[in-house]
Structures are given as structure tokens and as C-alpha cells.
Amino acid sequence: MATLSIRESQKVFTDRAKFPYGFRKSGDFSIAEADLLSRYGTTMLGLETGELMPETDDERAFVDFIQGKKEASNGAEKVWAKYVRLARGKKHFYTLHSSASNQSDYDEDFSDEEFDVA
């Protein structure tokens, strides 16, 4: 892995709300990805929110990536994209029926009289 010129976070980055057992134990990130998030996540979040101003070429490139001006091109950008997708993305819920309109097909044939209810 190439050395990044992104400031290492002063404190370890965690997200206990979405990853209560940590990035490594979540099963979503490789060890290398979890380590990148832990080491640089606070800085990347600060760059994303504007709390930190970019100081290096890698940090400026990261801000360009966050703003959609370029595709993810290094490990930090790729793992941040993955983190954002997993932590902030919508969860998909699946039901037995593909749509509510299908349920009406079943409701018409239903009658309490067919069942012997004690």
C-alpha cells in the first residue's frame, strides 16, 4: 500500500452506531481497510464536512473526490466511499410479495370459514 500524505487522526475513528463491534469485526471491511478507516477516518470526516482544510496533494484530491470531481483513485478514497455507502446508504428490505397490489389477489380468496379456529 502506498503511503498517503493524509494527516493521521489524533484519535482513532470509530462509528459505534453503525459498526458497534468495530470495523475489523463488522465483516464489511478487510483488515487493511479497517486500519485505514481507524487511522485516517477522523481526518477524512473533517475534510468532508469542511472542519479541516486540505494541506497536502492527497488531501486536496480527497476533497475533489468527496465533491464528485473525480473517481476514487487510492485506498483512502475507496474505503471512504465504501464506509459512506455502508454507514449512510439505504438498507434494502425484502418482503414475501413484490408489491402491495399483488396482495389483493390473495385477499379475495381468503375466508375465516375455511379454518377451524379454537
PDB file of N, CA and C in Angstrom:
ATOM      1  N   MET A   1       0.851  -1.175   0.000  1.00  0.00           N
ATOM      2  CA  MET A   1       0.000   0.000   0.000  1.00  0.00           C
ATOM      3  C   MET A   1       0.895   1.237   0.000  1.00  0.00           C
ATOM      4  N   ALA A   2       0.627   2.146  -0.912  1.00  0.00           N
ATOM      5  CA  ALA A   2       1.417   3.375  -0.999  1.00  0.00           C
ATOM      6  C   ALA A   2       1.138   4.256   0.211  1.00  0.00           C
ATOM      7  N   THR A   3       2.143   4.998   0.601  1.00  0.00           N
ATOM      8  CA  THR A   3       1.994   5.894   1.737  1.00  0.00           C
ATOM      9  C   THR A   3       1.121   7.078   1.335  1.00  0.00           C
ATOM     10  N   LEU A   4       0.158   7.370   2.161  1.00  0.00           N
ATOM     11  CA  LEU A   4      -0.732   8.503   1.919  1.00  0.00           C
ATOM     12  C   LEU A   4      -0.186   9.736   2.611  1.00  0.00           C
ATOM     13  N   SER A   5      -0.364  10.858   1.965  1.00  0.00           N
ATOM     14  CA  SER A   5       0.015  12.102   2.643  1.00  0.00           C
ATOM     15  C   SER A   5      -1.249  12.783   3.169  1.00  0.00           C
ATOM     16  N   ILE A   6      -2.013  11.981   3.910  1.00  0.00           N
ATOM     17  CA  ILE A   6      -3.178  12.490   4.636  1.00  0.00           C
ATOM     18  C   ILE A   6      -2.813  12.448   6.108  1.00  0.00           C
ATOM     19  N   ARG A   7      -3.170  13.491   6.818  1.00  0.00           N
ATOM     20  CA  ARG A   7      -2.846  13.552   8.245  1.00  0.00           C
ATOM     21  C   ARG A   7      -3.475  12.382   8.993  1.00  0.00           C
ATOM     22  N   GLU A   8      -2.672  11.744   9.799  1.00  0.00           N
ATOM     23  CA  GLU A   8      -3.198  10.664  10.627  1.00  0.00           C
ATOM     24  C   GLU A   8      -4.029  11.295  11.739  1.00  0.00           C
ATOM     25  N   SER A   9      -5.175  10.681  11.990  1.00  0.00           N
ATOM     26  CA  SER A   9      -6.081  11.209  13.012  1.00  0.00           C
ATOM     27  C   SER A   9      -5.433  11.156  14.385  1.00  0.00           C
ATOM     28  N   GLN A  10      -5.688  12.173  15.189  1.00  0.00           N
ATOM     29  CA  GLN A  10      -5.167  12.192  16.551  1.00  0.00           C
ATOM     30  C   GLN A  10      -5.861  11.145  17.417  1.00  0.00           C
ATOM     31  N   LYS A  11      -7.154  10.896  17.123  1.00  0.00           N
ATOM     32  CA  LYS A  11      -7.857   9.851  17.850  1.00  0.00           C
ATOM     33  C   LYS A  11      -8.390   8.840  16.850  1.00  0.00           C
ATOM     34  N   VAL A  12      -8.537   7.615  17.295  1.00  0.00           N
ATOM     35  CA  VAL A  12      -8.997   6.526  16.435  1.00  0.00           C
ATOM     36  C   VAL A  12     -10.438   6.803  16.005  1.00  0.00           C
ATOM     37  N   PHE A  13     -10.687   6.658  14.717  1.00  0.00           N
ATOM     38  CA  PHE A  13     -12.023   6.870  14.167  1.00  0.00           C
ATOM     39  C   PHE A  13     -12.861   5.618  14.384  1.00  0.00           C
ATOM     40  N   THR A  14     -14.049   5.793  14.953  1.00  0.00           N
ATOM     41  CA  THR A  14     -14.988   4.699  15.154  1.00  0.00           C
ATOM     42  C   THR A  14     -16.383   5.173  14.783  1.00  0.00           C
ATOM     43  N   ASP A  15     -17.259   4.243  14.552  1.00  0.00           N
ATOM     44  CA  ASP A  15     -18.670   4.534  14.301  1.00  0.00           C
ATOM     45  C   ASP A  15     -19.462   3.460  15.036  1.00  0.00           C
ATOM     46  N   ARG A  16     -19.638   3.657  16.320  1.00  0.00           N
ATOM     47  CA  ARG A  16     -20.291   2.650  17.162  1.00  0.00           C
ATOM     48  C   ARG A  16     -21.774   2.487  16.818  1.00  0.00           C
ATOM     49  N   ALA A  17     -22.387   3.504  16.210  1.00  0.00           N
ATOM     50  CA  ALA A  17     -23.800   3.399  15.845  1.00  0.00           C
ATOM     51  C   ALA A  17     -23.999   2.380  14.720  1.00  0.00           C
ATOM     52  N   LYS A  18     -23.170   2.444  13.695  1.00  0.00           N
ATOM     53  CA  LYS A  18     -23.329   1.551  12.541  1.00  0.00           C
ATOM     54  C   LYS A  18     -22.447   0.314  12.615  1.00  0.00           C
ATOM     55  N   PHE A  19     -21.334   0.414  13.312  1.00  0.00           N
ATOM     56  CA  PHE A  19     -20.390  -0.697  13.441  1.00  0.00           C
ATOM     57  C   PHE A  19     -20.040  -0.872  14.917  1.00  0.00           C
ATOM     58  N   PRO A  20     -20.997  -1.370  15.721  1.00  0.00           N
ATOM     59  CA  PRO A  20     -20.818  -1.410  17.175  1.00  0.00           C
ATOM     60  C   PRO A  20     -19.635  -2.249  17.650  1.00  0.00           C
ATOM     61  N   TYR A  21     -19.197  -3.212  16.856  1.00  0.00           N
ATOM     62  CA  TYR A  21     -18.064  -4.054  17.261  1.00  0.00           C
ATOM     63  C   TYR A  21     -16.773  -3.651  16.563  1.00  0.00           C
ATOM     64  N   GLY A  22     -16.799  -2.513  15.894  1.00  0.00           N
ATOM     65  CA  GLY A  22     -15.613  -2.021  15.212  1.00  0.00           C
ATOM     66  C   GLY A  22     -15.603  -2.421  13.745  1.00  0.00           C
ATOM     67  N   PHE A  23     -14.756  -1.761  12.993  1.00  0.00           N
ATOM     68  CA  PHE A  23     -14.667  -2.013  11.556  1.00  0.00           C
ATOM     69  C   PHE A  23     -14.113  -3.401  11.266  1.00  0.00           C
ATOM     70  N   ARG A  24     -13.122  -3.831  12.036  1.00  0.00           N
ATOM     71  CA  ARG A  24     -12.494  -5.138  11.786  1.00  0.00           C
ATOM     72  C   ARG A  24     -13.467  -6.284  11.990  1.00  0.00           C
ATOM     73  N   LYS A  25     -14.297  -6.196  13.017  1.00  0.00           N
ATOM     74  CA  LYS A  25     -15.203  -7.295  13.341  1.00  0.00           C
ATOM     75  C   LYS A  25     -16.536  -7.208  12.598  1.00  0.00           C
ATOM     76  N   SER A  26     -16.730  -6.159  11.816  1.00  0.00           N
ATOM     77  CA  SER A  26     -18.012  -5.988  11.124  1.00  0.00           C
ATOM     78  C   SER A  26     -18.210  -6.991   9.998  1.00  0.00           C
ATOM     79  N   GLY A  27     -17.106  -7.473   9.433  1.00  0.00           N
ATOM     80  CA  GLY A  27     -17.207  -8.362   8.291  1.00  0.00           C
ATOM     81  C   GLY A  27     -17.357  -7.617   6.981  1.00  0.00           C
ATOM     82  N   ASP A  28     -17.451  -6.291   7.040  1.00  0.00           N
ATOM     83  CA  ASP A  28     -17.629  -5.474   5.835  1.00  0.00           C
ATOM     84  C   ASP A  28     -16.314  -4.968   5.269  1.00  0.00           C
ATOM     85  N   PHE A  29     -15.293  -4.900   6.110  1.00  0.00           N
ATOM     86  CA  PHE A  29     -14.018  -4.315   5.709  1.00  0.00           C
ATOM     87  C   PHE A  29     -12.886  -5.320   5.891  1.00  0.00           C
ATOM     88  N   SER A  30     -11.912  -5.265   4.986  1.00  0.00           N
ATOM     89  CA  SER A  30     -10.703  -6.062   5.174  1.00  0.00           C
ATOM     90  C   SER A  30      -9.911  -5.443   6.332  1.00  0.00           C
ATOM     91  N   ILE A  31      -8.907  -6.152   6.798  1.00  0.00           N
ATOM     92  CA  ILE A  31      -8.078  -5.618   7.880  1.00  0.00           C
ATOM     93  C   ILE A  31      -7.410  -4.321   7.438  1.00  0.00           C
ATOM     94  N   ALA A  32      -6.905  -4.297   6.201  1.00  0.00           N
ATOM     95  CA  ALA A  32      -6.246  -3.088   5.694  1.00  0.00           C
ATOM     96  C   ALA A  32      -7.240  -1.922   5.609  1.00  0.00           C
ATOM     97  N   GLU A  33      -8.455  -2.199   5.151  1.00  0.00           N
ATOM     98  CA  GLU A  33      -9.470  -1.140   5.071  1.00  0.00           C
ATOM     99  C   GLU A  33      -9.846  -0.638   6.461  1.00  0.00           C
ATOM    100  N   ALA A  34     -10.031  -1.553   7.400  1.00  0.00           N
ATOM    101  CA  ALA A  34     -10.373  -1.175   8.776  1.00  0.00           C
ATOM    102  C   ALA A  34      -9.272  -0.314   9.383  1.00  0.00           C
ATOM    103  N   ASP A  35      -8.020  -0.683   9.114  1.00  0.00           N
ATOM    104  CA  ASP A  35      -6.903   0.101   9.638  1.00  0.00           C
ATOM    105  C   ASP A  35      -6.866   1.500   9.024  1.00  0.00           C
ATOM    106  N   LEU A  36      -7.116   1.600   7.721  1.00  0.00           N
ATOM    107  CA  LEU A  36      -7.161   2.917   7.065  1.00  0.00           C
ATOM    108  C   LEU A  36      -8.242   3.793   7.687  1.00  0.00           C
ATOM    109  N   LEU A  37      -9.431   3.224   7.875  1.00  0.00           N
ATOM    110  CA  LEU A  37     -10.523   3.994   8.483  1.00  0.00           C
ATOM    111  C   LEU A  37     -10.169   4.433   9.897  1.00  0.00           C
ATOM    112  N   SER A  38      -9.619   3.526  10.672  1.00  0.00           N
ATOM    113  CA  SER A  38      -9.274   3.845  12.058  1.00  0.00           C
ATOM    114  C   SER A  38      -8.222   4.942  12.134  1.00  0.00           C
ATOM    115  N   ARG A  39      -7.222   4.873  11.263  1.00  0.00           N
ATOM    116  CA  ARG A  39      -6.103   5.827  11.309  1.00  0.00           C
ATOM    117  C   ARG A  39      -6.442   7.179  10.698  1.00  0.00           C
ATOM    118  N   TYR A  40      -7.181   7.180   9.589  1.00  0.00           N
ATOM    119  CA  TYR A  40      -7.404   8.420   8.836  1.00  0.00           C
ATOM    120  C   TYR A  40      -8.857   8.893   8.829  1.00  0.00           C
ATOM    121  N   GLY A  41      -9.762   8.115   9.384  1.00  0.00           N
ATOM    122  CA  GLY A  41     -11.189   8.419   9.297  1.00  0.00           C
ATOM    123  C   GLY A  41     -11.591   9.768   9.868  1.00  0.00           C
ATOM    124  N   THR A  42     -11.031  10.136  11.011  1.00  0.00           N
ATOM    125  CA  THR A  42     -11.383  11.425  11.622  1.00  0.00           C
ATOM    126  C   THR A  42     -10.944  12.573  10.716  1.00  0.00           C
ATOM    127  N   THR A  43      -9.767  12.443  10.121  1.00  0.00           N
ATOM    128  CA  THR A  43      -9.281  13.464   9.184  1.00  0.00           C
ATOM    129  C   THR A  43     -10.168  13.503   7.939  1.00  0.00           C
ATOM    130  N   MET A  44     -10.514  12.329   7.389  1.00  0.00           N
ATOM    131  CA  MET A  44     -11.356  12.281   6.194  1.00  0.00           C
ATOM    132  C   MET A  44     -12.736  12.871   6.467  1.00  0.00           C
ATOM    133  N   LEU A  45     -13.286  12.579   7.637  1.00  0.00           N
ATOM    134  CA  LEU A  45     -14.575  13.158   8.001  1.00  0.00           C
ATOM    135  C   LEU A  45     -14.461  14.677   8.114  1.00  0.00           C
ATOM    136  N   GLY A  46     -13.383  15.147   8.732  1.00  0.00           N
ATOM    137  CA  GLY A  46     -13.160  16.592   8.851  1.00  0.00           C
ATOM    138  C   GLY A  46     -13.021  17.268   7.496  1.00  0.00           C
ATOM    139  N   LEU A  47     -12.339  16.600   6.570  1.00  0.00           N
ATOM    140  CA  LEU A  47     -12.209  17.149   5.211  1.00  0.00           C
ATOM    141  C   LEU A  47     -13.560  17.155   4.501  1.00  0.00           C
ATOM    142  N   GLU A  48     -14.348  16.103   4.722  1.00  0.00           N
ATOM    143  CA  GLU A  48     -15.671  16.012   4.096  1.00  0.00           C
ATOM    144  C   GLU A  48     -16.608  17.109   4.603  1.00  0.00           C
ATOM    145  N   THR A  49     -16.598  17.354   5.904  1.00  0.00           N
ATOM    146  CA  THR A  49     -17.512  18.332   6.492  1.00  0.00           C
ATOM    147  C   THR A  49     -17.012  19.767   6.382  1.00  0.00           C
ATOM    148  N   GLY A  50     -15.749  19.932   6.010  1.00  0.00           N
ATOM    149  CA  GLY A  50     -15.182  21.270   5.916  1.00  0.00           C
ATOM    150  C   GLY A  50     -14.574  21.771   7.209  1.00  0.00           C
ATOM    151  N   GLU A  51     -14.578  20.931   8.250  1.00  0.00           N
ATOM    152  CA  GLU A  51     -13.960  21.328   9.519  1.00  0.00           C
ATOM    153  C   GLU A  51     -12.449  21.427   9.381  1.00  0.00           C
ATOM    154  N   LEU A  52     -11.891  20.657   8.457  1.00  0.00           N
ATOM    155  CA  LEU A  52     -10.453  20.710   8.175  1.00  0.00           C
ATOM    156  C   LEU A  52     -10.251  21.195   6.748  1.00  0.00           C
ATOM    157  N   MET A  53      -9.215  21.965   6.553  1.00  0.00           N
ATOM    158  CA  MET A  53      -8.846  22.406   5.206  1.00  0.00           C
ATOM    159  C   MET A  53      -7.736  21.483   4.697  1.00  0.00           C
ATOM    160  N   PRO A  54      -7.782  21.104   3.428  1.00  0.00           N
ATOM    161  CA  PRO A  54      -6.740  20.221   2.897  1.00  0.00           C
ATOM    162  C   PRO A  54      -5.371  20.902   2.914  1.00  0.00           C
ATOM    163  N   GLU A  55      -4.353  20.144   3.326  1.00  0.00           N
ATOM    164  CA  GLU A  55      -2.998  20.681   3.417  1.00  0.00           C
ATOM    165  C   GLU A  55      -2.028  20.011   2.451  1.00  0.00           C
ATOM    166  N   THR A  56      -2.362  18.819   1.948  1.00  0.00           N
ATOM    167  CA  THR A  56      -1.449  18.085   1.069  1.00  0.00           C
ATOM    168  C   THR A  56      -2.164  17.789  -0.251  1.00  0.00           C
ATOM    169  N   ASP A  57      -1.398  17.322  -1.224  1.00  0.00           N
ATOM    170  CA  ASP A  57      -1.994  16.954  -2.508  1.00  0.00           C
ATOM    171  C   ASP A  57      -3.012  15.832  -2.340  1.00  0.00           C
ATOM    172  N   ASP A  58      -2.706  14.834  -1.501  1.00  0.00           N
ATOM    173  CA  ASP A  58      -3.656  13.745  -1.272  1.00  0.00           C
ATOM    174  C   ASP A  58      -4.935  14.245  -0.612  1.00  0.00           C
ATOM    175  N   GLU A  59      -4.808  15.189   0.303  1.00  0.00           N
ATOM    176  CA  GLU A  59      -5.991  15.741   0.956  1.00  0.00           C
ATOM    177  C   GLU A  59      -6.819  16.564  -0.031  1.00  0.00           C
ATOM    178  N   ARG A  60      -6.168  17.323  -0.903  1.00  0.00           N
ATOM    179  CA  ARG A  60      -6.893  18.085  -1.929  1.00  0.00           C
ATOM    180  C   ARG A  60      -7.596  17.131  -2.902  1.00  0.00           C
ATOM    181  N   ALA A  61      -6.914  16.048  -3.269  1.00  0.00           N
ATOM    182  CA  ALA A  61      -7.520  15.045  -4.151  1.00  0.00           C
ATOM    183  C   ALA A  61      -8.713  14.381  -3.464  1.00  0.00           C
ATOM    184  N   PHE A  62      -8.603  14.136  -2.152  1.00  0.00           N
ATOM    185  CA  PHE A  62      -9.705  13.549  -1.397  1.00  0.00           C
ATOM    186  C   PHE A  62     -10.922  14.474  -1.411  1.00  0.00           C
ATOM    187  N   VAL A  63     -10.687  15.755  -1.222  1.00  0.00           N
ATOM    188  CA  VAL A  63     -11.795  16.725  -1.251  1.00  0.00           C
ATOM    189  C   VAL A  63     -12.431  16.756  -2.646  1.00  0.00           C
ATOM    190  N   ASP A  64     -11.611  16.698  -3.693  1.00  0.00           N
ATOM    191  CA  ASP A  64     -12.153  16.629  -5.052  1.00  0.00           C
ATOM    192  C   ASP A  64     -13.012  15.380  -5.231  1.00  0.00           C
ATOM    193  N   PHE A  65     -12.567  14.267  -4.677  1.00  0.00           N
ATOM    194  CA  PHE A  65     -13.330  13.021  -4.728  1.00  0.00           C
ATOM    195  C   PHE A  65     -14.664  13.182  -3.991  1.00  0.00           C
ATOM    196  N   ILE A  66     -14.619  13.742  -2.793  1.00  0.00           N
ATOM    197  CA  ILE A  66     -15.835  13.938  -1.991  1.00  0.00           C
ATOM    198  C   ILE A  66     -16.835  14.822  -2.734  1.00  0.00           C
ATOM    199  N   GLN A  67     -16.328  15.812  -3.433  1.00  0.00           N
ATOM    200  CA  GLN A  67     -17.189  16.750  -4.154  1.00  0.00           C
ATOM    201  C   GLN A  67     -17.643  16.211  -5.510  1.00  0.00           C
ATOM    202  N   GLY A  68     -17.221  14.988  -5.837  1.00  0.00           N
ATOM    203  CA  GLY A  68     -17.642  14.371  -7.084  1.00  0.00           C
ATOM    204  C   GLY A  68     -16.894  14.837  -8.312  1.00  0.00           C
ATOM    205  N   LYS A  69     -15.764  15.488  -8.107  1.00  0.00           N
ATOM    206  CA  LYS A  69     -14.980  15.989  -9.236  1.00  0.00           C
ATOM    207  C   LYS A  69     -14.093  14.920  -9.851  1.00  0.00           C
ATOM    208  N   LYS A  70     -13.887  13.810  -9.137  1.00  0.00           N
ATOM    209  CA  LYS A  70     -13.058  12.718  -9.649  1.00  0.00           C
ATOM    210  C   LYS A  70     -13.484  11.410  -9.000  1.00  0.00           C
ATOM    211  N   GLU A  71     -13.120  10.310  -9.641  1.00  0.00           N
ATOM    212  CA  GLU A  71     -13.393   8.974  -9.102  1.00  0.00           C
ATOM    213  C   GLU A  71     -12.387   8.648  -7.993  1.00  0.00           C
ATOM    214  N   ALA A  72     -12.750   7.707  -7.138  1.00  0.00           N
ATOM    215  CA  ALA A  72     -11.831   7.242  -6.101  1.00  0.00           C
ATOM    216  C   ALA A  72     -10.614   6.605  -6.766  1.00  0.00           C
ATOM    217  N   SER A  73      -9.413   7.040  -6.368  1.00  0.00           N
ATOM    218  CA  SER A  73      -8.208   6.546  -7.034  1.00  0.00           C
ATOM    219  C   SER A  73      -7.176   5.949  -6.089  1.00  0.00           C
ATOM    220  N   ASN A  74      -7.381   6.071  -4.782  1.00  0.00           N
ATOM    221  CA  ASN A  74      -6.429   5.458  -3.840  1.00  0.00           C
ATOM    222  C   ASN A  74      -7.210   4.747  -2.735  1.00  0.00           C
ATOM    223  N   GLY A  75      -6.474   4.045  -1.896  1.00  0.00           N
ATOM    224  CA  GLY A  75      -7.108   3.250  -0.854  1.00  0.00           C
ATOM    225  C   GLY A  75      -7.990   4.049   0.085  1.00  0.00           C
ATOM    226  N   ALA A  76      -7.554   5.240   0.455  1.00  0.00           N
ATOM    227  CA  ALA A  76      -8.329   6.065   1.385  1.00  0.00           C
ATOM    228  C   ALA A  76      -9.660   6.473   0.758  1.00  0.00           C
ATOM    229  N   GLU A  77      -9.618   6.904  -0.484  1.00  0.00           N
ATOM    230  CA  GLU A  77     -10.842   7.322  -1.164  1.00  0.00           C
ATOM    231  C   GLU A  77     -11.796   6.148  -1.356  1.00  0.00           C
ATOM    232  N   LYS A  78     -11.239   5.001  -1.737  1.00  0.00           N
ATOM    233  CA  LYS A  78     -12.073   3.818  -1.964  1.00  0.00           C
ATOM    234  C   LYS A  78     -12.715   3.318  -0.672  1.00  0.00           C
ATOM    235  N   VAL A  79     -11.951   3.289   0.414  1.00  0.00           N
ATOM    236  CA  VAL A  79     -12.518   2.814   1.675  1.00  0.00           C
ATOM    237  C   VAL A  79     -13.513   3.835   2.234  1.00  0.00           C
ATOM    238  N   TRP A  80     -13.286   5.119   2.001  1.00  0.00           N
ATOM    239  CA  TRP A  80     -14.246   6.123   2.468  1.00  0.00           C
ATOM    240  C   TRP A  80     -15.562   5.981   1.703  1.00  0.00           C
ATOM    241  N   ALA A  81     -15.473   5.743   0.395  1.00  0.00           N
ATOM    242  CA  ALA A  81     -16.683   5.531  -0.412  1.00  0.00           C
ATOM    243  C   ALA A  81     -17.451   4.309   0.103  1.00  0.00           C
ATOM    244  N   LYS A  82     -16.737   3.252   0.422  1.00  0.00           N
ATOM    245  CA  LYS A  82     -17.357   2.036   0.949  1.00  0.00           C
ATOM    246  C   LYS A  82     -17.986   2.300   2.314  1.00  0.00           C
ATOM    247  N   TYR A  83     -17.259   3.007   3.176  1.00  0.00           N
ATOM    248  CA  TYR A  83     -17.787   3.347   4.503  1.00  0.00           C
ATOM    249  C   TYR A  83     -19.070   4.160   4.380  1.00  0.00           C
ATOM    250  N   VAL A  84     -19.053   5.184   3.539  1.00  0.00           N
ATOM    251  CA  VAL A  84     -20.233   6.052   3.382  1.00  0.00           C
ATOM    252  C   VAL A  84     -21.409   5.236   2.858  1.00  0.00           C
ATOM    253  N   ARG A  85     -21.157   4.376   1.877  1.00  0.00           N
ATOM    254  CA  ARG A  85     -22.235   3.552   1.315  1.00  0.00           C
ATOM    255  C   ARG A  85     -22.833   2.648   2.391  1.00  0.00           C
ATOM    256  N   LEU A  86     -21.996   2.015   3.210  1.00  0.00           N
ATOM    257  CA  LEU A  86     -22.481   1.099   4.238  1.00  0.00           C
ATOM    258  C   LEU A  86     -23.101   1.820   5.431  1.00  0.00           C
ATOM    259  N   ALA A  87     -22.515   2.923   5.844  1.00  0.00           N
ATOM    260  CA  ALA A  87     -22.977   3.613   7.049  1.00  0.00           C
ATOM    261  C   ALA A  87     -24.159   4.544   6.783  1.00  0.00           C
ATOM    262  N   ARG A  88     -24.211   5.120   5.599  1.00  0.00           N
ATOM    263  CA  ARG A  88     -25.245   6.117   5.323  1.00  0.00           C
ATOM    264  C   ARG A  88     -26.221   5.696   4.240  1.00  0.00           C
ATOM    265  N   GLY A  89     -25.895   4.622   3.533  1.00  0.00           N
ATOM    266  CA  GLY A  89     -26.751   4.165   2.450  1.00  0.00           C
ATOM    267  C   GLY A  89     -28.050   3.597   2.972  1.00  0.00           C
ATOM    268  N   LYS A  90     -29.018   3.480   2.094  1.00  0.00           N
ATOM    269  CA  LYS A  90     -30.309   2.927   2.484  1.00  0.00           C
ATOM    270  C   LYS A  90     -30.198   1.421   2.603  1.00  0.00           C
ATOM    271  N   LYS A  91     -30.875   0.897   3.586  1.00  0.00           N
ATOM    272  CA  LYS A  91     -30.942  -0.549   3.767  1.00  0.00           C
ATOM    273  C   LYS A  91     -32.054  -1.063   2.855  1.00  0.00           C
ATOM    274  N   HIS A  92     -31.848  -2.239   2.303  1.00  0.00           N
ATOM    275  CA  HIS A  92     -32.867  -2.844   1.461  1.00  0.00           C
ATOM    276  C   HIS A  92     -33.659  -3.839   2.290  1.00  0.00           C
ATOM    277  N   PHE A  93     -34.977  -3.704   2.257  1.00  0.00           N
ATOM    278  CA  PHE A  93     -35.846  -4.620   2.966  1.00  0.00           C
ATOM    279  C   PHE A  93     -36.605  -5.438   1.939  1.00  0.00           C
ATOM    280  N   TYR A  94     -36.735  -6.707   2.208  1.00  0.00           N
ATOM    281  CA  TYR A  94     -37.415  -7.586   1.271  1.00  0.00           C
ATOM    282  C   TYR A  94     -38.666  -8.145   1.930  1.00  0.00           C
ATOM    283  N   THR A  95     -39.719  -8.251   1.146  1.00  0.00           N
ATOM    284  CA  THR A  95     -40.958  -8.819   1.641  1.00  0.00           C
ATOM    285  C   THR A  95     -41.262 -10.075   0.844  1.00  0.00           C
ATOM    286  N   LEU A  96     -42.275 -10.794   1.258  1.00  0.00           N
ATOM    287  CA  LEU A  96     -42.665 -12.005   0.539  1.00  0.00           C
ATOM    288  C   LEU A  96     -43.310 -11.687  -0.800  1.00  0.00           C
ATOM    289  N   HIS A  97     -43.919 -10.529  -0.909  1.00  0.00           N
ATOM    290  CA  HIS A  97     -44.593 -10.132  -2.134  1.00  0.00           C
ATOM    291  C   HIS A  97     -43.878  -8.939  -2.731  1.00  0.00           C
ATOM    292  N   SER A  98     -43.791  -8.906  -4.048  1.00  0.00           N
ATOM    293  CA  SER A  98     -43.034  -7.835  -4.687  1.00  0.00           C
ATOM    294  C   SER A  98     -43.740  -6.492  -4.616  1.00  0.00           C
ATOM    295  N   SER A  99     -45.056  -6.494  -4.476  1.00  0.00           N
ATOM    296  CA  SER A  99     -45.769  -5.220  -4.333  1.00  0.00           C
ATOM    297  C   SER A  99     -47.071  -5.441  -3.594  1.00  0.00           C
ATOM    298  N   ALA A 100     -47.610  -4.375  -3.040  1.00  0.00           N
ATOM    299  CA  ALA A 100     -48.852  -4.479  -2.282  1.00  0.00           C
ATOM    300  C   ALA A 100     -50.023  -4.863  -3.178  1.00  0.00           C
ATOM    301  N   SER A 101     -49.971  -4.485  -4.448  1.00  0.00           N
ATOM    302  CA  SER A 101     -51.083  -4.796  -5.341  1.00  0.00           C
ATOM    303  C   SER A 101     -51.243  -6.301  -5.523  1.00  0.00           C
ATOM    304  N   ASN A 102     -50.163  -7.050  -5.400  1.00  0.00           N
ATOM    305  CA  ASN A 102     -50.263  -8.499  -5.511  1.00  0.00           C
ATOM    306  C   ASN A 102     -51.055  -9.098  -4.353  1.00  0.00           C
ATOM    307  N   GLN A 103     -51.032  -8.468  -3.213  1.00  0.00           N
ATOM    308  CA  GLN A 103     -51.710  -8.997  -2.036  1.00  0.00           C
ATOM    309  C   GLN A 103     -53.207  -9.099  -2.265  1.00  0.00           C
ATOM    310  N   SER A 104     -53.786  -8.189  -3.051  1.00  0.00           N
ATOM    311  CA  SER A 104     -55.236  -8.222  -3.287  1.00  0.00           C
ATOM    312  C   SER A 104     -55.651  -9.512  -3.988  1.00  0.00           C
ATOM    313  N   ASP A 105     -54.753 -10.099  -4.773  1.00  0.00           N
ATOM    314  CA  ASP A 105     -55.065 -11.365  -5.429  1.00  0.00           C
ATOM    315  C   ASP A 105     -55.312 -12.459  -4.397  1.00  0.00           C
ATOM    316  N   TYR A 106     -54.622 -12.398  -3.291  1.00  0.00           N
ATOM    317  CA  TYR A 106     -54.750 -13.420  -2.258  1.00  0.00           C
ATOM    318  C   TYR A 106     -55.892 -13.106  -1.293  1.00  0.00           C
ATOM    319  N   ASP A 107     -56.142 -11.841  -1.029  1.00  0.00           N
ATOM    320  CA  ASP A 107     -57.157 -11.446  -0.063  1.00  0.00           C
ATOM    321  C   ASP A 107     -58.559 -11.851  -0.500  1.00  0.00           C
ATOM    322  N   GLU A 108     -58.847 -11.815  -1.785  1.00  0.00           N
ATOM    323  CA  GLU A 108     -60.197 -12.114  -2.264  1.00  0.00           C
ATOM    324  C   GLU A 108     -60.584 -13.559  -1.988  1.00  0.00           C
ATOM    325  N   ASP A 109     -59.630 -14.459  -1.986  1.00  0.00           N
ATOM    326  CA  ASP A 109     -59.919 -15.874  -1.783  1.00  0.00           C
ATOM    327  C   ASP A 109     -59.935 -16.261  -0.310  1.00  0.00           C
ATOM    328  N   PHE A 110     -59.601 -15.343   0.558  1.00  0.00           N
ATOM    329  CA  PHE A 110     -59.468 -15.653   1.975  1.00  0.00           C
ATOM    330  C   PHE A 110     -60.814 -15.589   2.667  1.00  0.00           C
ATOM    331  N   SER A 111     -61.082 -16.578   3.496  1.00  0.00           N
ATOM    332  CA  SER A 111     -62.312 -16.589   4.284  1.00  0.00           C
ATOM    333  C   SER A 111     -62.007 -17.231   5.627  1.00  0.00           C
ATOM    334  N   ASP A 112     -62.525 -16.665   6.700  1.00  0.00           N
ATOM    335  CA  ASP A 112     -62.329 -17.234   8.038  1.00  0.00           C
ATOM    336  C   ASP A 112     -62.995 -18.599   8.167  1.00  0.00           C
ATOM    337  N   GLU A 113     -64.009 -18.852   7.357  1.00  0.00           N
ATOM    338  CA  GLU A 113     -64.765 -20.093   7.468  1.00  0.00           C
ATOM    339  C   GLU A 113     -63.934 -21.308   7.082  1.00  0.00           C
ATOM    340  N   GLU A 114     -62.879 -21.121   6.345  1.00  0.00           N
ATOM    341  CA  GLU A 114     -62.058 -22.237   5.900  1.00  0.00           C
ATOM    342  C   GLU A 114     -61.197 -22.811   7.020  1.00  0.00           C
ATOM    343  N   PHE A 115     -61.072 -22.086   8.123  1.00  0.00           N
ATOM    344  CA  PHE A 115     -60.176 -22.509   9.186  1.00  0.00           C
ATOM    345  C   PHE A 115     -60.974 -22.847  10.447  1.00  0.00           C
ATOM    346  N   ASP A 116     -60.587 -23.895  11.106  1.00  0.00           N
ATOM    347  CA  ASP A 116     -61.197 -24.267  12.356  1.00  0.00           C
ATOM    348  C   ASP A 116     -60.377 -23.623  13.460  1.00  0.00           C
ATOM    349  N   VAL A 117     -60.850 -22.481  13.947  1.00  0.00           N
ATOM    350  CA  VAL A 117     -60.111 -21.729  14.942  1.00  0.00           C
ATOM    351  C   VAL A 117     -60.719 -21.967  16.298  1.00  0.00           C
ATOM    352  N   ALA A 118     -59.911 -22.414  17.260  1.00  0.00           N
ATOM    353  CA  ALA A 118     -60.415 -22.718  18.606  1.00  0.00           C
ATOM    354  C   ALA A 118     -60.594 -21.466  19.406  1.00  0.00           C
TER     355      ALA A 118
END
